[in-house]
């Protein structure tokens, strides 16, 4: 148990399962908006800030999590599948499928470990095709992809997935997000190619700068 934190009991909304102290679980990630813990085949994201601050910062709210859970079925973007409540029934974070980062330093020396260079062009193409379907699904449901940063990409056994939907927006119509989502998909594909090129041993800083500028131009 992490001695720096007071115990927090969490309840999973869909089946009312109780976890006595979330800090007894393995922490697999953290950021400016919360901490992520592994529980069985899921991850629990314990959000920072109060409800009003989350709304103002466009972070994950209960209404947004429920909308994603009920309306989105995605292949390569990890969407909430449940919600966490505290003992007073207050929403404190989303529950998502666990994605195993097979390129993590922690995996070195295990059969699951892969270097980024172990994936093939076929893996990349499959990821892109799946993501094209996912972005179409986002658009159909009036959801705009936002905040696609380096922390959004996870290498699993079948190549890249996206996570962290906290700042995605629910808009008034599909047409209002169509072009924006196409631009975001172009950006994601360009970043995939950027990371693939970055693995090349003879690439230099000047080449990386040119690649970064190219990624910006794709959007």
Protein backbone atom coordinates (compact mmCIF):
# COMPACT_ATOMS: atom_id res chain seq x y z
CA UNK A 1 0.00 0.00 0.00
CA UNK A 2 1.20 3.52 -0.86
CA UNK A 3 1.73 5.20 2.54
CA UNK A 4 1.42 8.68 1.01
CA UNK A 5 -2.31 8.31 0.40
CA UNK A 6 -5.32 7.80 2.58
CA UNK A 7 -7.21 4.63 1.55
CA UNK A 8 -9.94 5.18 -1.03
CA UNK A 9 -12.74 2.63 -1.41
CA UNK A 10 -14.17 2.51 -4.93
CA UNK A 11 -17.34 0.89 -6.25
CA UNK A 12 -17.77 -0.25 -9.86
CA UNK A 13 -21.11 1.09 -11.04
CA UNK A 14 -22.24 -1.74 -13.34
CA UNK A 15 -22.05 -4.60 -10.83
CA UNK A 16 -21.54 -2.70 -7.52
CA UNK A 17 -18.26 -4.55 -6.93
CA UNK A 18 -16.32 -2.93 -4.10
CA UNK A 19 -12.55 -2.45 -4.05
CA UNK A 20 -11.52 -1.61 -0.46
CA UNK A 21 -8.51 0.54 -1.36
CA UNK A 22 -7.54 1.52 -4.88
CA UNK A 23 -3.99 2.28 -3.72
CA UNK A 24 -3.46 -1.42 -3.01
CA UNK A 25 -3.58 -2.00 -6.77
CA UNK A 26 -0.65 -1.70 -9.17
CA UNK A 27 -0.34 1.81 -10.57
CA UNK A 28 0.37 1.55 -14.32
CA UNK A 29 0.23 5.23 -15.25
CA UNK A 30 -0.24 8.78 -14.03
CA UNK A 31 -0.64 12.22 -15.52
CA UNK A 32 -1.84 15.74 -14.89
CA UNK A 33 -5.46 14.60 -14.66
CA UNK A 34 -5.26 11.35 -12.67
CA UNK A 35 -3.69 8.01 -11.79
CA UNK A 36 -4.32 4.70 -13.56
CA UNK A 37 -4.46 1.38 -11.68
CA UNK A 38 -4.67 -2.17 -13.02
CA UNK A 39 -7.50 -4.36 -11.77
CA UNK A 40 -7.83 -7.81 -13.35
CA UNK A 41 -8.23 -7.17 -17.11
CA UNK A 42 -9.25 -3.54 -16.62
CA UNK A 43 -7.73 -0.23 -15.64
CA UNK A 44 -9.29 2.23 -13.21
CA UNK A 45 -8.50 5.90 -13.70
CA UNK A 46 -8.78 7.86 -10.46
CA UNK A 47 -9.40 11.43 -11.55
CA UNK A 48 -8.01 14.56 -9.92
CA UNK A 49 -10.02 17.71 -9.26
CA UNK A 50 -13.65 18.21 -8.29
CA UNK A 51 -16.61 17.90 -10.65
CA UNK A 52 -16.73 21.60 -11.55
CA UNK A 53 -13.00 21.78 -12.32
CA UNK A 54 -13.22 18.69 -14.53
CA UNK A 55 -16.00 20.35 -16.53
CA UNK A 56 -14.04 23.59 -16.86
CA UNK A 57 -10.89 21.73 -17.94
CA UNK A 58 -12.90 19.49 -20.30
CA UNK A 59 -11.78 16.34 -18.49
CA UNK A 60 -13.79 13.14 -18.11
CA UNK A 61 -17.16 13.71 -16.47
CA UNK A 62 -19.80 11.15 -15.53
CA UNK A 63 -22.13 12.25 -18.35
CA UNK A 64 -19.35 12.00 -20.93
CA UNK A 65 -18.19 8.59 -19.69
CA UNK A 66 -21.75 7.23 -19.81
CA UNK A 67 -22.28 8.61 -23.34
CA UNK A 68 -19.06 6.95 -24.55
CA UNK A 69 -19.90 3.69 -22.82
CA UNK A 70 -23.40 3.48 -24.30
CA UNK A 71 -22.73 4.75 -27.82
CA UNK A 72 -19.20 3.81 -28.88
CA UNK A 73 -17.95 0.40 -29.97
CA UNK A 74 -14.36 0.95 -31.09
CA UNK A 75 -11.52 -1.31 -32.20
CA UNK A 76 -8.38 0.71 -31.48
CA UNK A 77 -9.50 3.53 -29.20
CA UNK A 78 -9.99 2.54 -25.57
CA UNK A 79 -13.36 3.82 -24.43
CA UNK A 80 -14.92 3.67 -20.93
CA UNK A 81 -16.74 0.40 -20.20
CA UNK A 82 -17.78 1.22 -16.63
CA UNK A 83 -17.49 3.98 -14.02
CA UNK A 84 -15.99 4.22 -10.54
CA UNK A 85 -17.93 5.73 -7.64
CA UNK A 86 -16.75 6.57 -4.15
CA UNK A 87 -18.59 5.33 -1.06
CA UNK A 88 -20.95 8.33 -1.31
CA UNK A 89 -21.92 7.43 -4.88
CA UNK A 90 -19.90 10.28 -6.41
CA UNK A 91 -18.24 9.65 -9.78
CA UNK A 92 -14.45 9.54 -9.44
CA UNK A 93 -13.25 8.04 -12.72
CA UNK A 94 -13.73 5.76 -15.73
CA UNK A 95 -13.03 2.04 -16.08
CA UNK A 96 -11.46 0.80 -19.32
CA UNK A 97 -10.05 -2.33 -20.87
CA UNK A 98 -6.43 -2.96 -19.90
CA UNK A 99 -3.95 -2.58 -22.77
CA UNK A 100 -0.65 -4.38 -22.23
CA UNK A 101 2.24 -2.21 -23.44
CA UNK A 102 4.52 -4.93 -24.83
CA UNK A 103 7.33 -2.42 -25.52
CA UNK A 104 7.56 -1.38 -21.87
CA UNK A 105 10.91 -1.65 -20.12
CA UNK A 106 9.14 -3.79 -17.50
CA UNK A 107 8.51 -6.44 -20.18
CA UNK A 108 12.18 -6.88 -21.10
CA UNK A 109 13.30 -10.45 -20.60
CA UNK A 110 9.75 -11.82 -20.90
CA UNK A 111 8.20 -13.64 -23.89
CA UNK A 112 5.72 -10.77 -24.41
CA UNK A 113 8.38 -8.11 -24.90
CA UNK A 114 8.66 -6.52 -28.33
CA UNK A 115 10.85 -3.76 -29.64
CA UNK A 116 9.04 -1.18 -31.72
CA UNK A 117 11.04 -2.45 -34.69
CA UNK A 118 9.56 -5.95 -34.34
CA UNK A 119 6.24 -4.85 -35.87
CA UNK A 120 5.61 -5.07 -39.62
CA UNK A 121 4.14 -2.74 -42.23
CA UNK A 122 1.16 -5.09 -42.26
CA UNK A 123 0.61 -4.42 -38.54
CA UNK A 124 0.67 -0.69 -39.24
CA UNK A 125 -1.81 -0.99 -42.14
CA UNK A 126 -4.24 -3.04 -40.00
CA UNK A 127 -4.06 -0.42 -37.25
CA UNK A 128 -4.76 2.40 -39.70
CA UNK A 129 -7.76 0.59 -41.24
CA UNK A 130 -9.22 -0.10 -37.79
CA UNK A 131 -8.67 3.50 -36.73
CA UNK A 132 -10.38 4.78 -39.86
CA UNK A 133 -13.47 2.81 -38.80
CA UNK A 134 -13.12 4.12 -35.24
CA UNK A 135 -12.92 7.75 -36.34
CA UNK A 136 -15.96 7.26 -38.57
CA UNK A 137 -17.77 5.87 -35.51
CA UNK A 138 -16.71 8.93 -33.48
CA UNK A 139 -18.05 11.23 -36.17
CA UNK A 140 -21.33 9.33 -36.46
CA UNK A 141 -21.84 9.80 -32.71
CA UNK A 142 -20.86 13.49 -32.71
CA UNK A 143 -17.60 12.90 -30.81
CA UNK A 144 -14.52 14.95 -31.62
CA UNK A 145 -11.10 13.42 -30.92
CA UNK A 146 -8.88 15.75 -28.89
CA UNK A 147 -5.51 15.83 -27.11
CA UNK A 148 -3.77 13.15 -29.21
CA UNK A 149 -0.34 13.31 -27.59
CA UNK A 150 2.49 10.79 -27.11
CA UNK A 151 0.78 9.40 -24.03
CA UNK A 152 -2.19 8.43 -26.19
CA UNK A 153 -0.28 5.73 -28.09
CA UNK A 154 0.22 2.22 -26.74
CA UNK A 155 1.98 -0.66 -28.52
CA UNK A 156 0.14 -3.92 -27.84
CA UNK A 157 0.65 -7.36 -29.39
CA UNK A 158 -1.18 -6.24 -32.56
CA UNK A 159 0.55 -2.84 -32.88
CA UNK A 160 -0.76 0.57 -31.93
CA UNK A 161 -3.88 1.54 -29.98
CA UNK A 162 -5.07 4.92 -28.71
CA UNK A 163 -6.13 5.62 -25.14
CA UNK A 164 -7.10 8.63 -23.00
CA UNK A 165 -10.43 9.95 -24.26
CA UNK A 166 -10.73 12.39 -21.35
CA UNK A 167 -10.66 15.53 -23.51
CA UNK A 168 -12.76 14.22 -26.38
CA UNK A 169 -15.79 16.45 -27.00
CA UNK A 170 -19.47 15.65 -27.61
CA UNK A 171 -20.74 18.14 -30.19
CA UNK A 172 -24.15 19.10 -31.50
CA UNK A 173 -23.91 17.35 -34.88
CA UNK A 174 -21.83 14.90 -36.92
CA UNK A 175 -21.12 17.55 -39.54
CA UNK A 176 -19.47 19.77 -36.93
CA UNK A 177 -16.80 17.14 -36.21
CA UNK A 178 -16.38 15.44 -39.59
CA UNK A 179 -13.51 17.54 -40.95
CA UNK A 180 -11.83 17.85 -37.53
CA UNK A 181 -11.81 14.07 -37.05
CA UNK A 182 -10.41 13.54 -40.56
CA UNK A 183 -7.59 15.91 -39.70
CA UNK A 184 -6.99 14.10 -36.40
CA UNK A 185 -6.89 10.73 -38.17
CA UNK A 186 -4.36 12.12 -40.66
CA UNK A 187 -2.30 13.32 -37.70
CA UNK A 188 -2.41 9.90 -36.02
CA UNK A 189 -1.34 8.12 -39.21
CA UNK A 190 1.46 10.63 -39.72
CA UNK A 191 2.63 10.05 -36.14
CA UNK A 192 2.60 6.30 -36.71
CA UNK A 193 4.88 6.82 -39.71
CA UNK A 194 7.01 9.26 -37.72
CA UNK A 195 7.59 6.69 -34.98
CA UNK A 196 8.39 4.06 -37.61
CA UNK A 197 10.94 6.33 -39.30
CA UNK A 198 12.40 7.33 -35.94
CA UNK A 199 13.45 3.69 -35.41
CA UNK A 200 15.83 3.93 -38.37
CA UNK A 201 19.38 3.75 -37.04
CA UNK A 202 20.90 6.32 -39.40
CA UNK A 203 18.30 9.07 -38.91
CA UNK A 204 19.73 12.35 -37.59
CA UNK A 205 18.33 15.38 -35.78
CA UNK A 206 17.85 17.33 -39.00
CA UNK A 207 15.83 14.46 -40.48
CA UNK A 208 13.70 14.26 -37.32
CA UNK A 209 13.00 18.00 -37.55
CA UNK A 210 11.88 17.57 -41.17
CA UNK A 211 9.67 14.66 -40.14
CA UNK A 212 8.10 16.71 -37.35
CA UNK A 213 7.36 19.53 -39.77
CA UNK A 214 5.82 17.02 -42.20
CA UNK A 215 3.54 15.67 -39.44
CA UNK A 216 2.30 19.22 -38.76
CA UNK A 217 1.60 19.82 -42.45
CA UNK A 218 -0.57 16.70 -42.70
CA UNK A 219 -3.12 18.41 -40.45
